[in-house]
């Protein structure tokens, strides 16, 4: 079971990974 903090961290990480790939691409 994820805590709200862990869910937020995962969402934020995915968001920045997506931005990173868009910048590189």
PDB file of N, CA and C in Angstrom:
ATOM      1  N   UNK A   1       0.847  -1.200   0.000  1.00  0.00           N
ATOM      2  CA  UNK A   1       0.000   0.000   0.000  1.00  0.00           C
ATOM      3  C   UNK A   1       0.884   1.252   0.000  1.00  0.00           C
ATOM      4  N   UNK A   2       0.679   2.100  -0.989  1.00  0.00           N
ATOM      5  CA  UNK A   2       1.476   3.323  -1.074  1.00  0.00           C
ATOM      6  C   UNK A   2       0.884   4.418  -0.204  1.00  0.00           C
ATOM      7  N   UNK A   3       1.764   5.193   0.387  1.00  0.00           N
ATOM      8  CA  UNK A   3       1.292   6.375   1.105  1.00  0.00           C
ATOM      9  C   UNK A   3       1.045   7.489   0.091  1.00  0.00           C
ATOM     10  N   UNK A   4       0.318   8.510   0.507  1.00  0.00           N
ATOM     11  CA  UNK A   4       0.047   9.638  -0.390  1.00  0.00           C
ATOM     12  C   UNK A   4       1.351  10.272  -0.852  1.00  0.00           C
ATOM     13  N   UNK A   5       2.336  10.322   0.055  1.00  0.00           N
ATOM     14  CA  UNK A   5       3.630  10.913  -0.302  1.00  0.00           C
ATOM     15  C   UNK A   5       4.299  10.118  -1.425  1.00  0.00           C
ATOM     16  N   UNK A   6       4.271   8.789  -1.315  1.00  0.00           N
ATOM     17  CA  UNK A   6       4.898   7.939  -2.325  1.00  0.00           C
ATOM     18  C   UNK A   6       4.198   8.081  -3.673  1.00  0.00           C
ATOM     19  N   UNK A   7       2.865   8.174  -3.638  1.00  0.00           N
ATOM     20  CA  UNK A   7       2.112   8.368  -4.881  1.00  0.00           C
ATOM     21  C   UNK A   7       2.511   9.691  -5.525  1.00  0.00           C
ATOM     22  N   UNK A   8       2.623  10.739  -4.712  1.00  0.00           N
ATOM     23  CA  UNK A   8       3.001  12.060  -5.230  1.00  0.00           C
ATOM     24  C   UNK A   8       4.402  12.028  -5.832  1.00  0.00           C
ATOM     25  N   UNK A   9       5.331  11.372  -5.148  1.00  0.00           N
ATOM     26  CA  UNK A   9       6.701  11.266  -5.655  1.00  0.00           C
ATOM     27  C   UNK A   9       6.716  10.527  -6.988  1.00  0.00           C
ATOM     28  N   UNK A  10       5.965   9.445  -7.098  1.00  0.00           N
ATOM     29  CA  UNK A  10       5.930   8.663  -8.336  1.00  0.00           C
ATOM     30  C   UNK A  10       5.342   9.484  -9.481  1.00  0.00           C
ATOM     31  N   UNK A  11       4.264  10.205  -9.212  1.00  0.00           N
ATOM     32  CA  UNK A  11       3.650  11.042 -10.244  1.00  0.00           C
ATOM     33  C   UNK A  11       4.613  12.133 -10.698  1.00  0.00           C
ATOM     34  N   UNK A  12       5.298  12.746  -9.722  1.00  0.00           N
ATOM     35  CA  UNK A  12       6.246  13.815 -10.047  1.00  0.00           C
ATOM     36  C   UNK A  12       7.410  13.261 -10.859  1.00  0.00           C
ATOM     37  N   UNK A  13       7.906  12.081 -10.467  1.00  0.00           N
ATOM     38  CA  UNK A  13       9.024  11.466 -11.187  1.00  0.00           C
ATOM     39  C   UNK A  13       8.626  11.178 -12.636  1.00  0.00           C
ATOM     40  N   UNK A  14       7.436  10.612 -12.828  1.00  0.00           N
ATOM     41  CA  UNK A  14       6.977  10.315 -14.184  1.00  0.00           C
ATOM     42  C   UNK A  14       6.842  11.591 -15.002  1.00  0.00           C
ATOM     43  N   UNK A  15       6.334  12.648 -14.365  1.00  0.00           N
ATOM     44  CA  UNK A  15       6.154  13.925 -15.059  1.00  0.00           C
ATOM     45  C   UNK A  15       7.497  14.454 -15.548  1.00  0.00           C
ATOM     46  N   UNK A  16       8.504  14.445 -14.675  1.00  0.00           N
ATOM     47  CA  UNK A  16       9.807  14.980 -15.063  1.00  0.00           C
ATOM     48  C   UNK A  16      10.522  14.072 -16.054  1.00  0.00           C
ATOM     49  N   UNK A  17      10.327  12.755 -15.942  1.00  0.00           N
ATOM     50  CA  UNK A  17      10.912  11.846 -16.930  1.00  0.00           C
ATOM     51  C   UNK A  17      10.307  12.130 -18.306  1.00  0.00           C
ATOM     52  N   UNK A  18       8.998  12.375 -18.349  1.00  0.00           N
ATOM     53  CA  UNK A  18       8.331  12.706 -19.607  1.00  0.00           C
ATOM     54  C   UNK A  18       8.870  13.996 -20.207  1.00  0.00           C
ATOM     55  N   UNK A  19       9.037  15.007 -19.363  1.00  0.00           N
ATOM     56  CA  UNK A  19       9.589  16.280 -19.841  1.00  0.00           C
ATOM     57  C   UNK A  19      11.005  16.084 -20.361  1.00  0.00           C
ATOM     58  N   UNK A  20      11.803  15.314 -19.633  1.00  0.00           N
ATOM     59  CA  UNK A  20      13.194  15.062 -19.989  1.00  0.00           C
ATOM     60  C   UNK A  20      13.281  14.427 -21.377  1.00  0.00           C
ATOM     61  N   UNK A  21      12.430  13.415 -21.636  1.00  0.00           N
ATOM     62  CA  UNK A  21      12.458  12.748 -22.924  1.00  0.00           C
ATOM     63  C   UNK A  21      11.981  13.669 -24.037  1.00  0.00           C
ATOM     64  N   UNK A  22      11.015  14.551 -23.743  1.00  0.00           N
ATOM     65  CA  UNK A  22      10.562  15.509 -24.755  1.00  0.00           C
ATOM     66  C   UNK A  22      11.682  16.480 -25.111  1.00  0.00           C
ATOM     67  N   UNK A  23      12.437  16.918 -24.107  1.00  0.00           N
ATOM     68  CA  UNK A  23      13.543  17.855 -24.358  1.00  0.00           C
ATOM     69  C   UNK A  23      14.631  17.176 -25.194  1.00  0.00           C
ATOM     70  N   UNK A  24      14.943  15.925 -24.866  1.00  0.00           N
ATOM     71  CA  UNK A  24      15.984  15.207 -25.603  1.00  0.00           C
ATOM     72  C   UNK A  24      15.525  14.859 -27.013  1.00  0.00           C
ATOM     73  N   UNK A  25      14.253  14.507 -27.142  1.00  0.00           N
ATOM     74  CA  UNK A  25      13.719  14.061 -28.412  1.00  0.00           C
ATOM     75  C   UNK A  25      13.574  15.187 -29.417  1.00  0.00           C
TER      76      UNK A  25
END
